[in-house]
Amino acid sequence: MSRKTRKTSETLKEYGRGTVGGLLFSLPLLYTMEVWWTGFIASPEKLLALIVFTFLLLLGYNRHSGMREDASLKEVFQESVEEITLAFIVAFLFLLLINKIGFTMSYREIAGKVIVESMIVAIGFSIGTAQLGQGKKETGEENAKDDGGLVQMIVLCICGAVLVSSSVAPTEEILRIAMVSEPSHLLVMVLTSILISGIVLFFSDFRGSGKFEGGIKEIIFHLVVSYLCALLVSALVLWFFGRISGYGFSFVLAEVIVLAVPASLGASAGRLLIT
């Protein structure tokens, strides 16, 4: 059914699912002081980069997993615009509810806090809209996008990694763990991250797991892609929250490896659970 012929009741139900999904994934961040502070001090350029990055993720998710296979690029774009707009509204109202923004604050402070919080809300909104429904109406739709190739794999890995890692990246604990971690600890973290991905993708019996028939080379390929996505997301999230500026390369690398442990879980599990 096209967007034009969709009933008002169906649209409201879709928005309801999206709101629940957005809050489900973003509540830890909505209650995190470091995130409020980041929104207060973030430069306009960094906030704009966050909006662009999130919008591209929404486009990728909606194109490869969130919408019907026959959805046009225009519909994908419209859906993504709706999701990010509604995410702004939900984040604004929730921050107003918990008294972390107010009309006595400057426009810049309000906008910064709302933008930072709403980006995770937007990703959750997209996933909630697609995944919290009663199921696909046609059997063919259920597996229509199972074989989207490398691009789909990367998009879903990044979405999952962002959702999981962003809830812990702003905290001081990542810095403290990186500070006390020896090279041997970091090596074990890398191996553990890859092991977690392997268990989730091949031995967990999750929906979509264990379906790779290309042998050891394909298994290694999937693990490498998942972990590289986890590392990339970890670096980007740490940069956004101001956790890497002023530190040397070795310490930044340690931070990225530490954060990549939960990010790798998100990259692998998210890839199966949000398809």
C-alpha atoms as a PDB file:
ATOM      1  CA  MET A   1       0.000   0.000   0.000  1.00  0.00           C
ATOM      2  CA  SER A   2       1.371   3.394  -0.979  1.00  0.00           C
ATOM      3  CA  ARG A   3       1.808   6.228   1.444  1.00  0.00           C
ATOM      4  CA  LYS A   4      -0.945   8.202  -0.314  1.00  0.00           C
ATOM      5  CA  THR A   5      -3.619   5.538   0.295  1.00  0.00           C
ATOM      6  CA  ARG A   6      -2.572   4.712   3.843  1.00  0.00           C
ATOM      7  CA  LYS A   7      -5.410   5.242   6.336  1.00  0.00           C
ATOM      8  CA  THR A   8      -5.103   7.810   9.100  1.00  0.00           C
ATOM      9  CA  SER A   9      -5.482   5.102  11.755  1.00  0.00           C
ATOM     10  CA  GLU A  10      -2.633   3.109  10.217  1.00  0.00           C
ATOM     11  CA  THR A  11      -0.440   6.190  10.104  1.00  0.00           C
ATOM     12  CA  LEU A  12      -1.120   6.933  13.769  1.00  0.00           C
ATOM     13  CA  LYS A  13      -0.338   3.331  14.711  1.00  0.00           C
ATOM     14  CA  GLU A  14       2.899   3.567  12.748  1.00  0.00           C
ATOM     15  CA  TYR A  15       3.844   6.780  14.552  1.00  0.00           C
ATOM     16  CA  GLY A  16       2.968   5.120  17.852  1.00  0.00           C
ATOM     17  CA  ARG A  17       5.262   2.168  17.117  1.00  0.00           C
ATOM     18  CA  GLY A  18       7.988   4.563  16.073  1.00  0.00           C
ATOM     19  CA  THR A  19       7.670   6.622  19.250  1.00  0.00           C
ATOM     20  CA  VAL A  20       7.869   3.518  21.421  1.00  0.00           C
ATOM     21  CA  GLY A  21      10.893   2.293  19.491  1.00  0.00           C
ATOM     22  CA  GLY A  22      12.580   5.688  19.684  1.00  0.00           C
ATOM     23  CA  LEU A  23      12.133   5.919  23.447  1.00  0.00           C
ATOM     24  CA  LEU A  24      13.042   2.265  23.973  1.00  0.00           C
ATOM     25  CA  PHE A  25      16.469   2.738  22.418  1.00  0.00           C
ATOM     26  CA  SER A  26      17.166   6.287  23.575  1.00  0.00           C
ATOM     27  CA  LEU A  27      15.970   6.427  27.206  1.00  0.00           C
ATOM     28  CA  PRO A  28      19.471   5.895  28.688  1.00  0.00           C
ATOM     29  CA  LEU A  29      20.751   8.866  26.690  1.00  0.00           C
ATOM     30  CA  LEU A  30      17.766  11.026  27.548  1.00  0.00           C
ATOM     31  CA  TYR A  31      18.707  10.607  31.220  1.00  0.00           C
ATOM     32  CA  THR A  32      22.474  11.030  30.786  1.00  0.00           C
ATOM     33  CA  MET A  33      24.100  14.247  32.007  1.00  0.00           C
ATOM     34  CA  GLU A  34      27.086  13.949  29.652  1.00  0.00           C
ATOM     35  CA  VAL A  35      24.756  13.958  26.671  1.00  0.00           C
ATOM     36  CA  TRP A  36      22.997  17.125  27.880  1.00  0.00           C
ATOM     37  CA  TRP A  37      26.395  18.763  28.315  1.00  0.00           C
ATOM     38  CA  THR A  38      27.520  17.675  24.846  1.00  0.00           C
ATOM     39  CA  GLY A  39      24.420  19.278  23.360  1.00  0.00           C
ATOM     40  CA  PHE A  40      25.210  22.469  25.261  1.00  0.00           C
ATOM     41  CA  ILE A  41      28.845  22.767  24.092  1.00  0.00           C
ATOM     42  CA  ALA A  42      28.731  21.137  20.635  1.00  0.00           C
ATOM     43  CA  SER A  43      29.588  23.444  17.745  1.00  0.00           C
ATOM     44  CA  PRO A  44      27.024  24.054  14.978  1.00  0.00           C
ATOM     45  CA  GLU A  45      29.310  22.189  12.564  1.00  0.00           C
ATOM     46  CA  LYS A  46      29.374  19.108  14.782  1.00  0.00           C
ATOM     47  CA  LEU A  47      25.598  19.204  15.240  1.00  0.00           C
ATOM     48  CA  LEU A  48      25.110  19.504  11.483  1.00  0.00           C
ATOM     49  CA  ALA A  49      27.469  16.567  10.905  1.00  0.00           C
ATOM     50  CA  LEU A  50      25.416  14.516  13.383  1.00  0.00           C
ATOM     51  CA  ILE A  51      22.165  15.329  11.575  1.00  0.00           C
ATOM     52  CA  VAL A  52      23.639  14.429   8.180  1.00  0.00           C
ATOM     53  CA  PHE A  53      25.149  11.182   9.480  1.00  0.00           C
ATOM     54  CA  THR A  54      21.882  10.143  11.131  1.00  0.00           C
ATOM     55  CA  PHE A  55      19.815  11.011   8.081  1.00  0.00           C
ATOM     56  CA  LEU A  56      22.103   8.925   5.867  1.00  0.00           C
ATOM     57  CA  LEU A  57      21.705   6.009   8.290  1.00  0.00           C
ATOM     58  CA  LEU A  58      17.915   6.396   8.129  1.00  0.00           C
ATOM     59  CA  LEU A  59      18.022   6.419   4.331  1.00  0.00           C
ATOM     60  CA  GLY A  60      20.197   3.309   4.323  1.00  0.00           C
ATOM     61  CA  TYR A  61      18.067   1.433   6.840  1.00  0.00           C
ATOM     62  CA  ASN A  62      14.769   2.335   5.185  1.00  0.00           C
ATOM     63  CA  ARG A  63      16.145   1.469   1.754  1.00  0.00           C
ATOM     64  CA  HIS A  64      17.621  -1.903   2.691  1.00  0.00           C
ATOM     65  CA  SER A  65      15.482  -3.158   5.553  1.00  0.00           C
ATOM     66  CA  GLY A  66      12.893  -0.798   6.973  1.00  0.00           C
ATOM     67  CA  MET A  67      10.486  -0.502   4.054  1.00  0.00           C
ATOM     68  CA  ARG A  68       9.019  -2.621   1.268  1.00  0.00           C
ATOM     69  CA  GLU A  69      11.423  -3.807  -1.393  1.00  0.00           C
ATOM     70  CA  ASP A  70       9.450  -1.957  -4.072  1.00  0.00           C
ATOM     71  CA  ALA A  71       9.475   1.371  -2.190  1.00  0.00           C
ATOM     72  CA  SER A  72      10.694   4.207  -4.403  1.00  0.00           C
ATOM     73  CA  LEU A  73      13.604   6.450  -3.490  1.00  0.00           C
ATOM     74  CA  LYS A  74      11.089   9.270  -3.017  1.00  0.00           C
ATOM     75  CA  GLU A  75       9.137   7.205  -0.470  1.00  0.00           C
ATOM     76  CA  VAL A  76      12.347   6.254   1.344  1.00  0.00           C
ATOM     77  CA  PHE A  77      13.355   9.915   1.490  1.00  0.00           C
ATOM     78  CA  GLN A  78       9.926  11.010   2.719  1.00  0.00           C
ATOM     79  CA  GLU A  79       9.886   8.301   5.381  1.00  0.00           C
ATOM     80  CA  SER A  80      13.325   9.335   6.623  1.00  0.00           C
ATOM     81  CA  VAL A  81      12.321  13.004   6.775  1.00  0.00           C
ATOM     82  CA  GLU A  82       9.187  12.082   8.750  1.00  0.00           C
ATOM     83  CA  GLU A  83      11.197   9.985  11.200  1.00  0.00           C
ATOM     84  CA  ILE A  84      13.832  12.597  11.899  1.00  0.00           C
ATOM     85  CA  THR A  85      11.174  15.326  12.248  1.00  0.00           C
ATOM     86  CA  LEU A  86       9.116  13.270  14.692  1.00  0.00           C
ATOM     87  CA  ALA A  87      12.300  12.388  16.584  1.00  0.00           C
ATOM     88  CA  PHE A  88      12.957  16.112  17.110  1.00  0.00           C
ATOM     89  CA  ILE A  89       9.436  16.519  18.478  1.00  0.00           C
ATOM     90  CA  VAL A  90       9.668  13.483  20.797  1.00  0.00           C
ATOM     91  CA  ALA A  91      13.103  14.496  22.117  1.00  0.00           C
ATOM     92  CA  PHE A  92      11.956  18.080  22.677  1.00  0.00           C
ATOM     93  CA  LEU A  93       8.837  17.041  24.583  1.00  0.00           C
ATOM     94  CA  PHE A  94      10.666  14.468  26.692  1.00  0.00           C
ATOM     95  CA  LEU A  95      13.480  16.867  27.642  1.00  0.00           C
ATOM     96  CA  LEU A  96      10.793  19.406  28.502  1.00  0.00           C
ATOM     97  CA  LEU A  97       9.037  16.753  30.602  1.00  0.00           C
ATOM     98  CA  ILE A  98      12.149  15.997  32.693  1.00  0.00           C
ATOM     99  CA  ASN A  99      12.971  19.717  32.963  1.00  0.00           C
ATOM    100  CA  LYS A 100      16.255  19.583  31.064  1.00  0.00           C
ATOM    101  CA  ILE A 101      15.199  22.283  28.670  1.00  0.00           C
ATOM    102  CA  GLY A 102      13.038  25.298  29.354  1.00  0.00           C
ATOM    103  CA  PHE A 103      11.872  28.405  27.603  1.00  0.00           C
ATOM    104  CA  THR A 104      14.171  30.544  29.730  1.00  0.00           C
ATOM    105  CA  MET A 105      17.198  28.873  28.117  1.00  0.00           C
ATOM    106  CA  SER A 106      18.859  30.218  25.018  1.00  0.00           C
ATOM    107  CA  TYR A 107      17.762  28.914  21.645  1.00  0.00           C
ATOM    108  CA  ARG A 108      21.257  27.509  21.074  1.00  0.00           C
ATOM    109  CA  GLU A 109      21.190  25.422  24.267  1.00  0.00           C
ATOM    110  CA  ILE A 110      17.732  24.051  23.563  1.00  0.00           C
ATOM    111  CA  ALA A 111      18.582  23.238  19.949  1.00  0.00           C
ATOM    112  CA  GLY A 112      21.862  21.563  20.882  1.00  0.00           C
ATOM    113  CA  LYS A 113      20.323  19.296  23.508  1.00  0.00           C
ATOM    114  CA  VAL A 114      17.365  18.382  21.323  1.00  0.00           C
ATOM    115  CA  ILE A 115      19.523  17.626  18.272  1.00  0.00           C
ATOM    116  CA  VAL A 116      21.942  15.378  20.158  1.00  0.00           C
ATOM    117  CA  GLU A 117      19.167  13.439  21.883  1.00  0.00           C
ATOM    118  CA  SER A 118      16.902  13.199  18.866  1.00  0.00           C
ATOM    119  CA  MET A 119      19.405  11.443  16.612  1.00  0.00           C
ATOM    120  CA  ILE A 120      19.257   8.167  18.560  1.00  0.00           C
ATOM    121  CA  VAL A 121      15.506   8.660  18.911  1.00  0.00           C
ATOM    122  CA  ALA A 122      15.334   8.883  15.105  1.00  0.00           C
ATOM    123  CA  ILE A 123      17.164   5.585  14.569  1.00  0.00           C
ATOM    124  CA  GLY A 124      14.989   3.920  17.195  1.00  0.00           C
ATOM    125  CA  PHE A 125      11.935   5.479  15.570  1.00  0.00           C
ATOM    126  CA  SER A 126      12.827   3.942  12.217  1.00  0.00           C
ATOM    127  CA  ILE A 127      13.481   0.505  13.688  1.00  0.00           C
ATOM    128  CA  GLY A 128      10.388   0.647  15.896  1.00  0.00           C
ATOM    129  CA  THR A 129       8.156   1.576  12.973  1.00  0.00           C
ATOM    130  CA  ALA A 130       9.409  -1.367  10.926  1.00  0.00           C
ATOM    131  CA  GLN A 131       9.931  -4.030  13.602  1.00  0.00           C
ATOM    132  CA  LEU A 132       7.283  -3.539  16.300  1.00  0.00           C
ATOM    133  CA  GLY A 133       4.360  -4.226  14.002  1.00  0.00           C
ATOM    134  CA  GLN A 134       2.282  -7.395  13.871  1.00  0.00           C
ATOM    135  CA  GLY A 135       4.283  -8.880  11.025  1.00  0.00           C
ATOM    136  CA  LYS A 136       4.481  -8.818   7.274  1.00  0.00           C
ATOM    137  CA  LYS A 137       1.292  -9.161   5.352  1.00  0.00           C
ATOM    138  CA  GLU A 138       2.860 -11.165   2.585  1.00  0.00           C
ATOM    139  CA  THR A 139       5.131 -14.142   3.013  1.00  0.00           C
ATOM    140  CA  GLY A 140       7.384 -12.895   0.267  1.00  0.00           C
ATOM    141  CA  GLU A 141       7.987  -9.628   2.075  1.00  0.00           C
ATOM    142  CA  GLU A 142       9.465 -11.332   5.118  1.00  0.00           C
ATOM    143  CA  ASN A 143      12.565 -12.406   3.240  1.00  0.00           C
ATOM    144  CA  ALA A 144      12.535  -9.791   0.520  1.00  0.00           C
ATOM    145  CA  LYS A 145      15.550  -8.011   1.818  1.00  0.00           C
ATOM    146  CA  ASP A 146      17.560 -10.865   3.300  1.00  0.00           C
ATOM    147  CA  ASP A 147      20.143 -10.724   0.545  1.00  0.00           C
ATOM    148  CA  GLY A 148      20.908  -7.036   0.269  1.00  0.00           C
ATOM    149  CA  GLY A 149      24.639  -7.605  -0.031  1.00  0.00           C
ATOM    150  CA  LEU A 150      27.552  -5.769   1.492  1.00  0.00           C
ATOM    151  CA  VAL A 151      25.857  -2.360   1.641  1.00  0.00           C
ATOM    152  CA  GLN A 152      22.925  -3.730   3.635  1.00  0.00           C
ATOM    153  CA  MET A 153      25.309  -5.566   5.949  1.00  0.00           C
ATOM    154  CA  ILE A 154      27.303  -2.412   6.665  1.00  0.00           C
ATOM    155  CA  VAL A 155      24.214  -0.230   7.180  1.00  0.00           C
ATOM    156  CA  LEU A 156      22.671  -2.669   9.666  1.00  0.00           C
ATOM    157  CA  CYS A 157      25.987  -3.196  11.468  1.00  0.00           C
ATOM    158  CA  ILE A 158      26.412   0.562  11.873  1.00  0.00           C
ATOM    159  CA  CYS A 159      22.819   1.037  13.072  1.00  0.00           C
ATOM    160  CA  GLY A 160      23.200  -1.691  15.672  1.00  0.00           C
ATOM    161  CA  ALA A 161      26.611  -0.449  16.804  1.00  0.00           C
ATOM    162  CA  VAL A 162      25.359   3.136  17.169  1.00  0.00           C
ATOM    163  CA  LEU A 163      22.332   2.091  19.211  1.00  0.00           C
ATOM    164  CA  VAL A 164      24.396   0.084  21.702  1.00  0.00           C
ATOM    165  CA  SER A 165      27.620   2.101  21.924  1.00  0.00           C
ATOM    166  CA  SER A 166      26.034   5.543  22.161  1.00  0.00           C
ATOM    167  CA  SER A 167      24.515   4.734  25.545  1.00  0.00           C
ATOM    168  CA  VAL A 168      27.948   4.226  27.150  1.00  0.00           C
ATOM    169  CA  ALA A 169      30.265   6.367  25.001  1.00  0.00           C
ATOM    170  CA  PRO A 170      29.506   9.677  26.801  1.00  0.00           C
ATOM    171  CA  THR A 171      30.327   8.264  30.240  1.00  0.00           C
ATOM    172  CA  GLU A 172      33.597   8.607  32.153  1.00  0.00           C
ATOM    173  CA  GLU A 173      33.864   4.853  32.493  1.00  0.00           C
ATOM    174  CA  ILE A 174      35.214   4.425  28.949  1.00  0.00           C
ATOM    175  CA  LEU A 175      38.067   6.821  29.744  1.00  0.00           C
ATOM    176  CA  ARG A 176      38.820   5.122  33.043  1.00  0.00           C
ATOM    177  CA  ILE A 177      38.850   1.621  31.565  1.00  0.00           C
ATOM    178  CA  ALA A 178      41.120   2.751  28.713  1.00  0.00           C
ATOM    179  CA  MET A 179      43.407   4.456  31.198  1.00  0.00           C
ATOM    180  CA  VAL A 180      44.078   1.293  33.214  1.00  0.00           C
ATOM    181  CA  SER A 181      44.104  -1.174  30.318  1.00  0.00           C
ATOM    182  CA  GLU A 182      47.427  -2.747  29.410  1.00  0.00           C
ATOM    183  CA  PRO A 183      48.174  -3.925  25.847  1.00  0.00           C
ATOM    184  CA  SER A 184      47.370  -7.472  26.937  1.00  0.00           C
ATOM    185  CA  HIS A 185      43.951  -6.347  28.191  1.00  0.00           C
ATOM    186  CA  LEU A 186      43.246  -4.569  24.924  1.00  0.00           C
ATOM    187  CA  LEU A 187      44.232  -7.644  22.898  1.00  0.00           C
ATOM    188  CA  VAL A 188      41.833  -9.763  24.944  1.00  0.00           C
ATOM    189  CA  MET A 189      39.106  -7.144  24.342  1.00  0.00           C
ATOM    190  CA  VAL A 190      39.673  -7.369  20.585  1.00  0.00           C
ATOM    191  CA  LEU A 191      39.484 -11.172  20.645  1.00  0.00           C
ATOM    192  CA  THR A 192      36.438 -11.065  22.916  1.00  0.00           C
ATOM    193  CA  SER A 193      34.654  -8.646  20.590  1.00  0.00           C
ATOM    194  CA  ILE A 194      35.278 -10.919  17.618  1.00  0.00           C
ATOM    195  CA  LEU A 195      34.230 -13.968  19.652  1.00  0.00           C
ATOM    196  CA  ILE A 196      30.980 -12.245  20.652  1.00  0.00           C
ATOM    197  CA  SER A 197      30.241 -11.457  17.000  1.00  0.00           C
ATOM    198  CA  GLY A 198      30.985 -15.049  16.021  1.00  0.00           C
ATOM    199  CA  ILE A 199      28.670 -16.458  18.678  1.00  0.00           C
ATOM    200  CA  VAL A 200      25.857 -14.083  17.736  1.00  0.00           C
ATOM    201  CA  LEU A 201      26.184 -14.554  13.976  1.00  0.00           C
ATOM    202  CA  PHE A 202      26.831 -18.288  13.798  1.00  0.00           C
ATOM    203  CA  PHE A 203      26.049 -20.088  17.061  1.00  0.00           C
ATOM    204  CA  SER A 204      23.244 -18.186  18.796  1.00  0.00           C
ATOM    205  CA  ASP A 205      20.308 -19.620  16.836  1.00  0.00           C
ATOM    206  CA  PHE A 206      18.938 -16.077  16.497  1.00  0.00           C
ATOM    207  CA  ARG A 207      16.704 -15.379  13.548  1.00  0.00           C
ATOM    208  CA  GLY A 208      19.023 -14.985  10.562  1.00  0.00           C
ATOM    209  CA  SER A 209      22.067 -16.541  12.234  1.00  0.00           C
ATOM    210  CA  GLY A 210      24.004 -19.518  10.886  1.00  0.00           C
ATOM    211  CA  LYS A 211      22.800 -19.073   7.309  1.00  0.00           C
ATOM    212  CA  PHE A 212      26.218 -18.567   5.745  1.00  0.00           C
ATOM    213  CA  GLU A 213      27.284 -21.345   3.410  1.00  0.00           C
ATOM    214  CA  GLY A 214      30.535 -19.955   2.023  1.00  0.00           C
ATOM    215  CA  GLY A 215      32.799 -21.754   4.455  1.00  0.00           C
ATOM    216  CA  ILE A 216      35.493 -20.308   6.674  1.00  0.00           C
ATOM    217  CA  LYS A 217      36.295 -17.476   4.268  1.00  0.00           C
ATOM    218  CA  GLU A 218      32.749 -16.142   4.446  1.00  0.00           C
ATOM    219  CA  ILE A 219      32.699 -16.488   8.224  1.00  0.00           C
ATOM    220  CA  ILE A 220      35.939 -14.495   8.505  1.00  0.00           C
ATOM    221  CA  PHE A 221      34.586 -11.903   6.063  1.00  0.00           C
ATOM    222  CA  HIS A 222      31.424 -11.351   8.108  1.00  0.00           C
ATOM    223  CA  LEU A 223      33.371 -11.119  11.358  1.00  0.00           C
ATOM    224  CA  VAL A 224      35.850  -8.638   9.891  1.00  0.00           C
ATOM    225  CA  VAL A 225      33.072  -6.425   8.495  1.00  0.00           C
ATOM    226  CA  SER A 226      31.182  -6.446  11.810  1.00  0.00           C
ATOM    227  CA  TYR A 227      34.262  -5.587  13.846  1.00  0.00           C
ATOM    228  CA  LEU A 228      35.454  -2.880  11.466  1.00  0.00           C
ATOM    229  CA  CYS A 229      31.991  -1.289  11.654  1.00  0.00           C
ATOM    230  CA  ALA A 230      32.189  -1.474  15.452  1.00  0.00           C
ATOM    231  CA  LEU A 231      35.600   0.218  15.446  1.00  0.00           C
ATOM    232  CA  LEU A 232      34.440   2.920  13.028  1.00  0.00           C
ATOM    233  CA  VAL A 233      31.293   3.688  15.027  1.00  0.00           C
ATOM    234  CA  SER A 234      33.280   3.695  18.283  1.00  0.00           C
ATOM    235  CA  ALA A 235      35.732   6.243  16.898  1.00  0.00           C
ATOM    236  CA  LEU A 236      32.984   8.476  15.498  1.00  0.00           C
ATOM    237  CA  VAL A 237      30.869   8.378  18.664  1.00  0.00           C
ATOM    238  CA  LEU A 238      33.874   9.101  20.889  1.00  0.00           C
ATOM    239  CA  TRP A 239      34.843  12.006  18.632  1.00  0.00           C
ATOM    240  CA  PHE A 240      31.356  13.459  18.768  1.00  0.00           C
ATOM    241  CA  PHE A 241      31.193  13.318  22.555  1.00  0.00           C
ATOM    242  CA  GLY A 242      34.606  14.952  22.828  1.00  0.00           C
ATOM    243  CA  ARG A 243      36.353  11.896  24.270  1.00  0.00           C
ATOM    244  CA  ILE A 244      39.395  11.835  21.980  1.00  0.00           C
ATOM    245  CA  SER A 245      40.540  15.461  21.721  1.00  0.00           C
ATOM    246  CA  GLY A 246      43.760  16.203  23.579  1.00  0.00           C
ATOM    247  CA  TYR A 247      44.841  12.576  23.884  1.00  0.00           C
ATOM    248  CA  GLY A 248      47.622  10.699  22.128  1.00  0.00           C
ATOM    249  CA  PHE A 249      47.051   8.070  19.453  1.00  0.00           C
ATOM    250  CA  SER A 250      47.723   5.083  21.741  1.00  0.00           C
ATOM    251  CA  PHE A 251      45.188   6.268  24.324  1.00  0.00           C
ATOM    252  CA  VAL A 252      42.569   7.041  21.665  1.00  0.00           C
ATOM    253  CA  LEU A 253      43.111   3.571  20.196  1.00  0.00           C
ATOM    254  CA  ALA A 254      42.597   2.087  23.661  1.00  0.00           C
ATOM    255  CA  GLU A 255      39.326   4.017  24.049  1.00  0.00           C
ATOM    256  CA  VAL A 256      38.108   2.801  20.661  1.00  0.00           C
ATOM    257  CA  ILE A 257      38.933  -0.822  21.483  1.00  0.00           C
ATOM    258  CA  VAL A 258      37.169  -0.547  24.854  1.00  0.00           C
ATOM    259  CA  LEU A 259      34.020   0.911  23.313  1.00  0.00           C
ATOM    260  CA  ALA A 260      34.161  -1.576  20.443  1.00  0.00           C
ATOM    261  CA  VAL A 261      33.254  -4.393  22.850  1.00  0.00           C
ATOM    262  CA  PRO A 262      29.621  -3.244  23.254  1.00  0.00           C
ATOM    263  CA  ALA A 263      29.640  -1.819  19.728  1.00  0.00           C
ATOM    264  CA  SER A 264      30.551  -5.217  18.261  1.00  0.00           C
ATOM    265  CA  LEU A 265      27.641  -6.762  20.129  1.00  0.00           C
ATOM    266  CA  GLY A 266      25.366  -4.130  18.618  1.00  0.00           C
ATOM    267  CA  ALA A 267      26.870  -4.578  15.144  1.00  0.00           C
ATOM    268  CA  SER A 268      26.321  -8.337  15.121  1.00  0.00           C
ATOM    269  CA  ALA A 269      23.117  -8.731  17.137  1.00  0.00           C
ATOM    270  CA  GLY A 270      21.593  -5.593  15.660  1.00  0.00           C
ATOM    271  CA  ARG A 271      22.268  -6.892  12.192  1.00  0.00           C
ATOM    272  CA  LEU A 272      20.111  -9.947  12.912  1.00  0.00           C
ATOM    273  CA  LEU A 273      17.454  -8.381  15.125  1.00  0.00           C
ATOM    274  CA  ILE A 274      16.627  -5.217  13.168  1.00  0.00           C
ATOM    275  CA  THR A 275      16.413  -6.758   9.700  1.00  0.00           C
END
